[in-house]
């Protein structure tokens, strides 16, 4: 049994009910587990929501957490995966002063080299969007920090597994 802490991505398929997010986050809070990232969205299955939660913990403990999460009535199924088993991304946006775009040639180079894109420009500010790994976003943040970032927001991790997940098949069987 692995007793070393690792980063895990948890996928929780649920009914979309009020208060479920609080109950799921309370499971982590009671065990003093910090949630590194949290995203909720519709899933590939109509009427089913998906929570993507990133935590750093041991495999022994993640199995216990999954068991607790699955005890929630609205939870259909929960899975955990390590980084090697998933394809994942984060997104971010930066709001910067417009004059930088025209006065600082280096800004245009940073945008190009980081595979970012400009999503809007007006006389006061422009907005840069970047999707990628957390480390790529952190590098871009450091590069832009010296120019003065007006606002910054980063999303939680979104992820899909490399292997097929049986959730759709399971639900089809369950619904018949």
C-alpha atoms as a PDB file:
ATOM      1  CA  UNK A   1       0.000   0.000   0.000  1.00  0.00           C
ATOM      2  CA  UNK A   2       1.381   3.423  -0.986  1.00  0.00           C
ATOM      3  CA  UNK A   3       1.921   5.688   2.048  1.00  0.00           C
ATOM      4  CA  UNK A   4       3.603   8.494   0.071  1.00  0.00           C
ATOM      5  CA  UNK A   5       1.554  11.605  -0.666  1.00  0.00           C
ATOM      6  CA  UNK A   6       0.782  12.204  -4.335  1.00  0.00           C
ATOM      7  CA  UNK A   7      -1.396  14.557  -6.316  1.00  0.00           C
ATOM      8  CA  UNK A   8      -4.698  12.890  -7.223  1.00  0.00           C
ATOM      9  CA  UNK A   9      -7.557  14.023  -9.427  1.00  0.00           C
ATOM     10  CA  UNK A  10     -10.933  12.906  -8.117  1.00  0.00           C
ATOM     11  CA  UNK A  11     -13.917  12.736 -10.498  1.00  0.00           C
ATOM     12  CA  UNK A  12     -17.290  12.694  -8.765  1.00  0.00           C
ATOM     13  CA  UNK A  13     -20.423  12.098 -10.845  1.00  0.00           C
ATOM     14  CA  UNK A  14     -23.524  13.433  -9.117  1.00  0.00           C
ATOM     15  CA  UNK A  15     -27.090  14.558  -9.355  1.00  0.00           C
ATOM     16  CA  UNK A  16     -27.155  18.350  -9.442  1.00  0.00           C
ATOM     17  CA  UNK A  17     -28.555  19.197  -6.001  1.00  0.00           C
ATOM     18  CA  UNK A  18     -28.272  22.260  -3.780  1.00  0.00           C
ATOM     19  CA  UNK A  19     -25.932  21.803  -0.815  1.00  0.00           C
ATOM     20  CA  UNK A  20     -23.966  18.860  -2.210  1.00  0.00           C
ATOM     21  CA  UNK A  21     -20.820  20.943  -2.734  1.00  0.00           C
ATOM     22  CA  UNK A  22     -20.869  21.918   0.939  1.00  0.00           C
ATOM     23  CA  UNK A  23     -21.265  18.319   2.077  1.00  0.00           C
ATOM     24  CA  UNK A  24     -18.475  17.065  -0.182  1.00  0.00           C
ATOM     25  CA  UNK A  25     -16.073  19.835   0.844  1.00  0.00           C
ATOM     26  CA  UNK A  26     -16.913  19.124   4.514  1.00  0.00           C
ATOM     27  CA  UNK A  27     -15.612  15.555   4.055  1.00  0.00           C
ATOM     28  CA  UNK A  28     -12.201  17.003   3.181  1.00  0.00           C
ATOM     29  CA  UNK A  29     -12.388  19.719   5.838  1.00  0.00           C
ATOM     30  CA  UNK A  30     -13.106  17.247   8.665  1.00  0.00           C
ATOM     31  CA  UNK A  31      -9.923  15.375   7.743  1.00  0.00           C
ATOM     32  CA  UNK A  32      -7.860  18.579   7.417  1.00  0.00           C
ATOM     33  CA  UNK A  33      -7.227  17.920   3.715  1.00  0.00           C
ATOM     34  CA  UNK A  34      -6.563  20.970   1.583  1.00  0.00           C
ATOM     35  CA  UNK A  35      -8.343  20.971  -1.778  1.00  0.00           C
ATOM     36  CA  UNK A  36      -5.766  22.199  -4.296  1.00  0.00           C
ATOM     37  CA  UNK A  37      -8.342  22.750  -7.051  1.00  0.00           C
ATOM     38  CA  UNK A  38     -12.089  22.318  -7.513  1.00  0.00           C
ATOM     39  CA  UNK A  39     -14.205  22.513 -10.643  1.00  0.00           C
ATOM     40  CA  UNK A  40     -17.851  21.652 -11.184  1.00  0.00           C
ATOM     41  CA  UNK A  41     -19.511  21.293 -14.563  1.00  0.00           C
ATOM     42  CA  UNK A  42     -22.029  19.276 -16.534  1.00  0.00           C
ATOM     43  CA  UNK A  43     -20.647  15.850 -17.497  1.00  0.00           C
ATOM     44  CA  UNK A  44     -20.855  13.862 -20.707  1.00  0.00           C
ATOM     45  CA  UNK A  45     -24.088  12.360 -19.355  1.00  0.00           C
ATOM     46  CA  UNK A  46     -27.232  14.476 -19.593  1.00  0.00           C
ATOM     47  CA  UNK A  47     -28.511  15.518 -16.168  1.00  0.00           C
ATOM     48  CA  UNK A  48     -25.322  14.409 -14.381  1.00  0.00           C
ATOM     49  CA  UNK A  49     -22.800  16.866 -12.937  1.00  0.00           C
ATOM     50  CA  UNK A  50     -19.085  16.255 -12.510  1.00  0.00           C
ATOM     51  CA  UNK A  51     -16.863  17.550  -9.715  1.00  0.00           C
ATOM     52  CA  UNK A  52     -13.135  17.546 -10.472  1.00  0.00           C
ATOM     53  CA  UNK A  53     -11.197  17.806  -7.212  1.00  0.00           C
ATOM     54  CA  UNK A  54      -7.399  17.858  -6.890  1.00  0.00           C
ATOM     55  CA  UNK A  55      -5.816  16.840  -3.577  1.00  0.00           C
ATOM     56  CA  UNK A  56      -2.375  15.872  -2.310  1.00  0.00           C
ATOM     57  CA  UNK A  57      -2.598  12.791  -0.084  1.00  0.00           C
ATOM     58  CA  UNK A  58      -1.722   9.124   0.290  1.00  0.00           C
ATOM     59  CA  UNK A  59      -3.460   6.414  -1.717  1.00  0.00           C
ATOM     60  CA  UNK A  60      -4.671   4.797   1.519  1.00  0.00           C
ATOM     61  CA  UNK A  61      -6.415   8.023   2.515  1.00  0.00           C
ATOM     62  CA  UNK A  62      -7.789   8.788  -0.952  1.00  0.00           C
ATOM     63  CA  UNK A  63      -9.568   5.423  -0.926  1.00  0.00           C
ATOM     64  CA  UNK A  64     -11.167   6.335   2.416  1.00  0.00           C
ATOM     65  CA  UNK A  65     -12.233   9.740   1.064  1.00  0.00           C
ATOM     66  CA  UNK A  66     -13.769   8.164  -2.055  1.00  0.00           C
ATOM     67  CA  UNK A  67     -15.768   5.844   0.211  1.00  0.00           C
ATOM     68  CA  UNK A  68     -17.057   8.795   2.238  1.00  0.00           C
ATOM     69  CA  UNK A  69     -17.920  10.822  -0.872  1.00  0.00           C
ATOM     70  CA  UNK A  70     -19.846   7.891  -2.364  1.00  0.00           C
ATOM     71  CA  UNK A  71     -21.991   7.677   0.797  1.00  0.00           C
ATOM     72  CA  UNK A  72     -23.652  10.960  -0.189  1.00  0.00           C
ATOM     73  CA  UNK A  73     -27.090  10.086  -1.590  1.00  0.00           C
ATOM     74  CA  UNK A  74     -26.715  12.260  -4.707  1.00  0.00           C
ATOM     75  CA  UNK A  75     -23.293  10.852  -5.640  1.00  0.00           C
ATOM     76  CA  UNK A  76     -23.524   8.318  -8.442  1.00  0.00           C
ATOM     77  CA  UNK A  77     -19.856   7.297  -8.566  1.00  0.00           C
ATOM     78  CA  UNK A  78     -16.449   8.691  -7.573  1.00  0.00           C
ATOM     79  CA  UNK A  79     -13.051   7.816  -9.057  1.00  0.00           C
ATOM     80  CA  UNK A  80      -9.474   8.871  -8.357  1.00  0.00           C
ATOM     81  CA  UNK A  81      -6.519   9.001 -10.728  1.00  0.00           C
ATOM     82  CA  UNK A  82      -2.899  10.089 -10.617  1.00  0.00           C
ATOM     83  CA  UNK A  83      -1.460  12.582 -13.102  1.00  0.00           C
ATOM     84  CA  UNK A  84      -0.115   9.826 -15.391  1.00  0.00           C
ATOM     85  CA  UNK A  85      -3.660   8.497 -15.856  1.00  0.00           C
ATOM     86  CA  UNK A  86      -5.225  11.812 -16.868  1.00  0.00           C
ATOM     87  CA  UNK A  87      -5.033  14.555 -19.453  1.00  0.00           C
ATOM     88  CA  UNK A  88      -5.559  17.838 -17.655  1.00  0.00           C
ATOM     89  CA  UNK A  89      -5.473  21.581 -18.155  1.00  0.00           C
ATOM     90  CA  UNK A  90      -6.112  24.807 -16.298  1.00  0.00           C
ATOM     91  CA  UNK A  91      -7.076  28.160 -17.777  1.00  0.00           C
ATOM     92  CA  UNK A  92      -6.340  31.681 -16.694  1.00  0.00           C
ATOM     93  CA  UNK A  93      -6.910  35.254 -17.747  1.00  0.00           C
ATOM     94  CA  UNK A  94      -4.767  38.328 -17.124  1.00  0.00           C
ATOM     95  CA  UNK A  95      -5.992  41.908 -17.347  1.00  0.00           C
ATOM     96  CA  UNK A  96      -3.174  44.323 -18.259  1.00  0.00           C
ATOM     97  CA  UNK A  97      -2.938  48.052 -19.055  1.00  0.00           C
ATOM     98  CA  UNK A  98      -3.401  48.663 -22.801  1.00  0.00           C
ATOM     99  CA  UNK A  99      -0.370  50.905 -23.200  1.00  0.00           C
ATOM    100  CA  UNK A 100       1.861  47.903 -22.366  1.00  0.00           C
ATOM    101  CA  UNK A 101       0.689  46.116 -25.493  1.00  0.00           C
ATOM    102  CA  UNK A 102       1.970  48.924 -27.684  1.00  0.00           C
ATOM    103  CA  UNK A 103       4.856  50.321 -25.624  1.00  0.00           C
ATOM    104  CA  UNK A 104       6.480  47.091 -24.408  1.00  0.00           C
ATOM    105  CA  UNK A 105       7.616  44.906 -27.306  1.00  0.00           C
ATOM    106  CA  UNK A 106       8.508  42.197 -24.784  1.00  0.00           C
ATOM    107  CA  UNK A 107       4.800  41.719 -23.871  1.00  0.00           C
ATOM    108  CA  UNK A 108       3.989  40.642 -27.433  1.00  0.00           C
ATOM    109  CA  UNK A 109       6.908  38.189 -27.351  1.00  0.00           C
ATOM    110  CA  UNK A 110       5.745  36.747 -24.009  1.00  0.00           C
ATOM    111  CA  UNK A 111       2.235  36.244 -25.394  1.00  0.00           C
ATOM    112  CA  UNK A 112       3.543  34.533 -28.524  1.00  0.00           C
ATOM    113  CA  UNK A 113       6.131  32.333 -26.764  1.00  0.00           C
ATOM    114  CA  UNK A 114       3.670  31.185 -24.082  1.00  0.00           C
ATOM    115  CA  UNK A 115       1.010  30.202 -26.625  1.00  0.00           C
ATOM    116  CA  UNK A 116      -1.382  32.666 -25.015  1.00  0.00           C
ATOM    117  CA  UNK A 117      -3.921  34.721 -26.874  1.00  0.00           C
ATOM    118  CA  UNK A 118      -5.411  38.174 -26.564  1.00  0.00           C
ATOM    119  CA  UNK A 119      -9.179  37.948 -26.083  1.00  0.00           C
ATOM    120  CA  UNK A 120     -10.044  41.643 -25.887  1.00  0.00           C
ATOM    121  CA  UNK A 121      -8.395  45.037 -26.240  1.00  0.00           C
ATOM    122  CA  UNK A 122      -9.765  48.481 -25.440  1.00  0.00           C
ATOM    123  CA  UNK A 123      -8.216  51.862 -24.650  1.00  0.00           C
ATOM    124  CA  UNK A 124      -7.712  51.058 -20.944  1.00  0.00           C
ATOM    125  CA  UNK A 125      -6.821  47.367 -20.817  1.00  0.00           C
ATOM    126  CA  UNK A 126      -6.335  44.138 -22.704  1.00  0.00           C
ATOM    127  CA  UNK A 127      -6.991  40.562 -21.591  1.00  0.00           C
ATOM    128  CA  UNK A 128      -4.731  37.565 -22.190  1.00  0.00           C
ATOM    129  CA  UNK A 129      -6.016  33.974 -21.966  1.00  0.00           C
ATOM    130  CA  UNK A 130      -3.781  30.957 -21.403  1.00  0.00           C
ATOM    131  CA  UNK A 131      -4.648  27.278 -21.075  1.00  0.00           C
ATOM    132  CA  UNK A 132      -2.091  24.713 -20.014  1.00  0.00           C
ATOM    133  CA  UNK A 133      -0.456  22.988 -17.094  1.00  0.00           C
ATOM    134  CA  UNK A 134      -0.283  24.775 -13.737  1.00  0.00           C
ATOM    135  CA  UNK A 135       3.480  25.218 -14.154  1.00  0.00           C
ATOM    136  CA  UNK A 136       3.048  26.957 -17.552  1.00  0.00           C
ATOM    137  CA  UNK A 137       0.547  29.378 -16.040  1.00  0.00           C
ATOM    138  CA  UNK A 138       2.884  30.098 -13.116  1.00  0.00           C
ATOM    139  CA  UNK A 139       5.734  30.894 -15.534  1.00  0.00           C
ATOM    140  CA  UNK A 140       3.528  33.276 -17.512  1.00  0.00           C
ATOM    141  CA  UNK A 141       2.388  34.925 -14.278  1.00  0.00           C
ATOM    142  CA  UNK A 142       6.014  35.541 -13.245  1.00  0.00           C
ATOM    143  CA  UNK A 143       6.872  36.963 -16.673  1.00  0.00           C
ATOM    144  CA  UNK A 144       3.907  39.349 -16.679  1.00  0.00           C
ATOM    145  CA  UNK A 145       4.212  40.376 -13.009  1.00  0.00           C
ATOM    146  CA  UNK A 146       7.023  42.791 -13.722  1.00  0.00           C
ATOM    147  CA  UNK A 147       4.723  44.796 -15.993  1.00  0.00           C
ATOM    148  CA  UNK A 148       1.898  45.128 -13.457  1.00  0.00           C
ATOM    149  CA  UNK A 149      -1.064  42.792 -13.642  1.00  0.00           C
ATOM    150  CA  UNK A 150      -4.381  44.576 -13.054  1.00  0.00           C
ATOM    151  CA  UNK A 151      -6.348  41.368 -12.436  1.00  0.00           C
ATOM    152  CA  UNK A 152      -5.635  37.629 -12.582  1.00  0.00           C
ATOM    153  CA  UNK A 153      -7.907  34.574 -12.334  1.00  0.00           C
ATOM    154  CA  UNK A 154      -7.022  30.898 -12.718  1.00  0.00           C
ATOM    155  CA  UNK A 155      -9.502  28.066 -13.051  1.00  0.00           C
ATOM    156  CA  UNK A 156      -9.466  24.762 -11.277  1.00  0.00           C
ATOM    157  CA  UNK A 157      -8.163  21.707 -13.058  1.00  0.00           C
ATOM    158  CA  UNK A 158     -10.299  20.100 -15.726  1.00  0.00           C
ATOM    159  CA  UNK A 159      -9.390  16.536 -16.613  1.00  0.00           C
ATOM    160  CA  UNK A 160     -10.320  13.459 -18.590  1.00  0.00           C
ATOM    161  CA  UNK A 161      -8.870  10.002 -18.090  1.00  0.00           C
ATOM    162  CA  UNK A 162      -6.661   8.327 -20.651  1.00  0.00           C
ATOM    163  CA  UNK A 163      -8.511   5.037 -20.147  1.00  0.00           C
ATOM    164  CA  UNK A 164     -12.228   4.692 -20.822  1.00  0.00           C
ATOM    165  CA  UNK A 165     -14.380   5.347 -17.782  1.00  0.00           C
ATOM    166  CA  UNK A 166     -17.314   2.984 -17.414  1.00  0.00           C
ATOM    167  CA  UNK A 167     -19.674   5.588 -15.922  1.00  0.00           C
ATOM    168  CA  UNK A 168     -21.853   5.926 -19.062  1.00  0.00           C
ATOM    169  CA  UNK A 169     -22.224   2.153 -19.409  1.00  0.00           C
ATOM    170  CA  UNK A 170     -22.926   1.845 -15.703  1.00  0.00           C
ATOM    171  CA  UNK A 171     -25.684   4.468 -15.872  1.00  0.00           C
ATOM    172  CA  UNK A 172     -27.263   2.891 -18.960  1.00  0.00           C
ATOM    173  CA  UNK A 173     -27.434  -0.436 -17.121  1.00  0.00           C
ATOM    174  CA  UNK A 174     -28.730   1.277 -13.976  1.00  0.00           C
ATOM    175  CA  UNK A 175     -31.463   3.182 -15.864  1.00  0.00           C
ATOM    176  CA  UNK A 176     -32.780   0.079 -17.708  1.00  0.00           C
END
